[in-house]
Amino acid sequence: MKLALPLKKRQSIFNLFKFLNRRQTAMADQEMDTTAYLMKSPANKARLLEAMKDIESGNHIFSRDLTDL
C-alpha cells in the first residue's frame, strides 16, 4: 500500500533518513577509531583483549544497582 504525501513531506522524510544514516555511520567510524587508537599500545591491547575474554566468559562481571552510582 502506498501513501500519497506532498512532495515537501516526502523530501523532509527522505532528508531525515539520510541524516540518520550519516550520523550512524559517523558514530561507527568514531568507535572504530577509538578502538584502533587503544589497540596501538601493546599494554592497552592486552588489557582490552583480556577484558573482552572476561565479558564473553562472564568472569569479573559485577552487577550494580543504579541507585548505588
C-alpha atoms as a PDB file:
ATOM      1  CA  MET A   1       0.000   0.000   0.000  1.00  0.00           C
ATOM      2  CA  LYS A   2       1.345   3.429  -0.911  1.00  0.00           C
ATOM      3  CA  LEU A   3       0.557   6.633   0.851  1.00  0.00           C
ATOM      4  CA  ALA A   4       0.304   9.813  -1.103  1.00  0.00           C
ATOM      5  CA  LEU A   5       2.350  12.517   0.565  1.00  0.00           C
ATOM      6  CA  PRO A   6       3.021  16.021  -0.637  1.00  0.00           C
ATOM      7  CA  LEU A   7       6.436  16.468  -2.198  1.00  0.00           C
ATOM      8  CA  LYS A   8       7.750  18.636   0.682  1.00  0.00           C
ATOM      9  CA  LYS A   9       6.861  15.973   3.261  1.00  0.00           C
ATOM     10  CA  ARG A  10       8.447  13.218   1.171  1.00  0.00           C
ATOM     11  CA  GLN A  11      11.621  15.288   0.839  1.00  0.00           C
ATOM     12  CA  SER A  12      11.648  16.005   4.576  1.00  0.00           C
ATOM     13  CA  ILE A  13      11.296  12.326   5.430  1.00  0.00           C
ATOM     14  CA  PHE A  14      13.973  11.391   2.906  1.00  0.00           C
ATOM     15  CA  ASN A  15      16.334  14.035   4.323  1.00  0.00           C
ATOM     16  CA  LEU A  16      15.714  12.754   7.843  1.00  0.00           C
ATOM     17  CA  PHE A  17      16.643   9.207   6.807  1.00  0.00           C
ATOM     18  CA  LYS A  18      19.787  10.476   5.066  1.00  0.00           C
ATOM     19  CA  PHE A  19      20.767  12.434   8.194  1.00  0.00           C
ATOM     20  CA  LEU A  20      20.224   9.443  10.480  1.00  0.00           C
ATOM     21  CA  ASN A  21      22.228   7.168   8.193  1.00  0.00           C
ATOM     22  CA  ARG A  22      25.159   9.618   8.079  1.00  0.00           C
ATOM     23  CA  ARG A  23      25.059  10.040  11.855  1.00  0.00           C
ATOM     24  CA  GLN A  24      25.068   6.272  12.442  1.00  0.00           C
ATOM     25  CA  THR A  25      27.992   5.860  10.029  1.00  0.00           C
ATOM     26  CA  ALA A  26      29.929   8.664  11.736  1.00  0.00           C
ATOM     27  CA  MET A  27      29.362   7.112  15.161  1.00  0.00           C
ATOM     28  CA  ALA A  28      30.543   3.705  13.936  1.00  0.00           C
ATOM     29  CA  ASP A  29      33.642   5.309  12.417  1.00  0.00           C
ATOM     30  CA  GLN A  30      34.398   7.114  15.676  1.00  0.00           C
ATOM     31  CA  GLU A  31      34.068   3.868  17.647  1.00  0.00           C
ATOM     32  CA  MET A  32      36.454   2.113  15.286  1.00  0.00           C
ATOM     33  CA  ASP A  33      38.929   4.997  15.514  1.00  0.00           C
ATOM     34  CA  THR A  34      38.882   4.797  19.324  1.00  0.00           C
ATOM     35  CA  THR A  35      39.375   1.035  19.315  1.00  0.00           C
ATOM     36  CA  ALA A  36      42.198   1.273  16.775  1.00  0.00           C
ATOM     37  CA  TYR A  37      43.866   4.001  18.851  1.00  0.00           C
ATOM     38  CA  LEU A  38      43.666   1.949  22.037  1.00  0.00           C
ATOM     39  CA  MET A  39      44.927  -1.188  20.293  1.00  0.00           C
ATOM     40  CA  LYS A  40      48.142   0.578  19.198  1.00  0.00           C
ATOM     41  CA  SER A  41      49.642   0.280  22.657  1.00  0.00           C
ATOM     42  CA  PRO A  42      50.688  -3.294  23.496  1.00  0.00           C
ATOM     43  CA  ALA A  43      49.690  -2.807  27.155  1.00  0.00           C
ATOM     44  CA  ASN A  44      46.258  -1.417  26.262  1.00  0.00           C
ATOM     45  CA  LYS A  45      45.752  -4.143  23.681  1.00  0.00           C
ATOM     46  CA  ALA A  46      46.476  -6.856  26.248  1.00  0.00           C
ATOM     47  CA  ARG A  47      44.070  -5.281  28.775  1.00  0.00           C
ATOM     48  CA  LEU A  48      41.319  -4.835  26.178  1.00  0.00           C
ATOM     49  CA  LEU A  49      41.620  -8.401  24.906  1.00  0.00           C
ATOM     50  CA  GLU A  50      41.596  -9.738  28.468  1.00  0.00           C
ATOM     51  CA  ALA A  51      38.503  -7.652  29.270  1.00  0.00           C
ATOM     52  CA  MET A  52      36.761  -8.983  26.156  1.00  0.00           C
ATOM     53  CA  LYS A  53      37.532 -12.565  27.229  1.00  0.00           C
ATOM     54  CA  ASP A  54      36.173 -11.818  30.708  1.00  0.00           C
ATOM     55  CA  ILE A  55      32.935 -10.442  29.280  1.00  0.00           C
ATOM     56  CA  GLU A  56      32.478 -13.409  26.957  1.00  0.00           C
ATOM     57  CA  SER A  57      33.117 -15.915  29.758  1.00  0.00           C
ATOM     58  CA  GLY A  58      31.217 -14.000  32.436  1.00  0.00           C
ATOM     59  CA  ASN A  59      34.277 -13.590  34.679  1.00  0.00           C
ATOM     60  CA  HIS A  60      34.799 -10.469  36.778  1.00  0.00           C
ATOM     61  CA  ILE A  61      31.304  -9.198  35.959  1.00  0.00           C
ATOM     62  CA  PHE A  62      29.560  -7.460  38.831  1.00  0.00           C
ATOM     63  CA  SER A  63      26.004  -6.232  38.757  1.00  0.00           C
ATOM     64  CA  ARG A  64      25.315  -2.812  40.183  1.00  0.00           C
ATOM     65  CA  ASP A  65      22.132  -1.127  41.185  1.00  0.00           C
ATOM     66  CA  LEU A  66      21.831   2.253  39.512  1.00  0.00           C
ATOM     67  CA  THR A  67      20.951   3.823  42.852  1.00  0.00           C
ATOM     68  CA  ASP A  68      24.441   2.877  44.098  1.00  0.00           C
ATOM     69  CA  LEU A  69      26.099   5.041  41.465  1.00  0.00           C
END
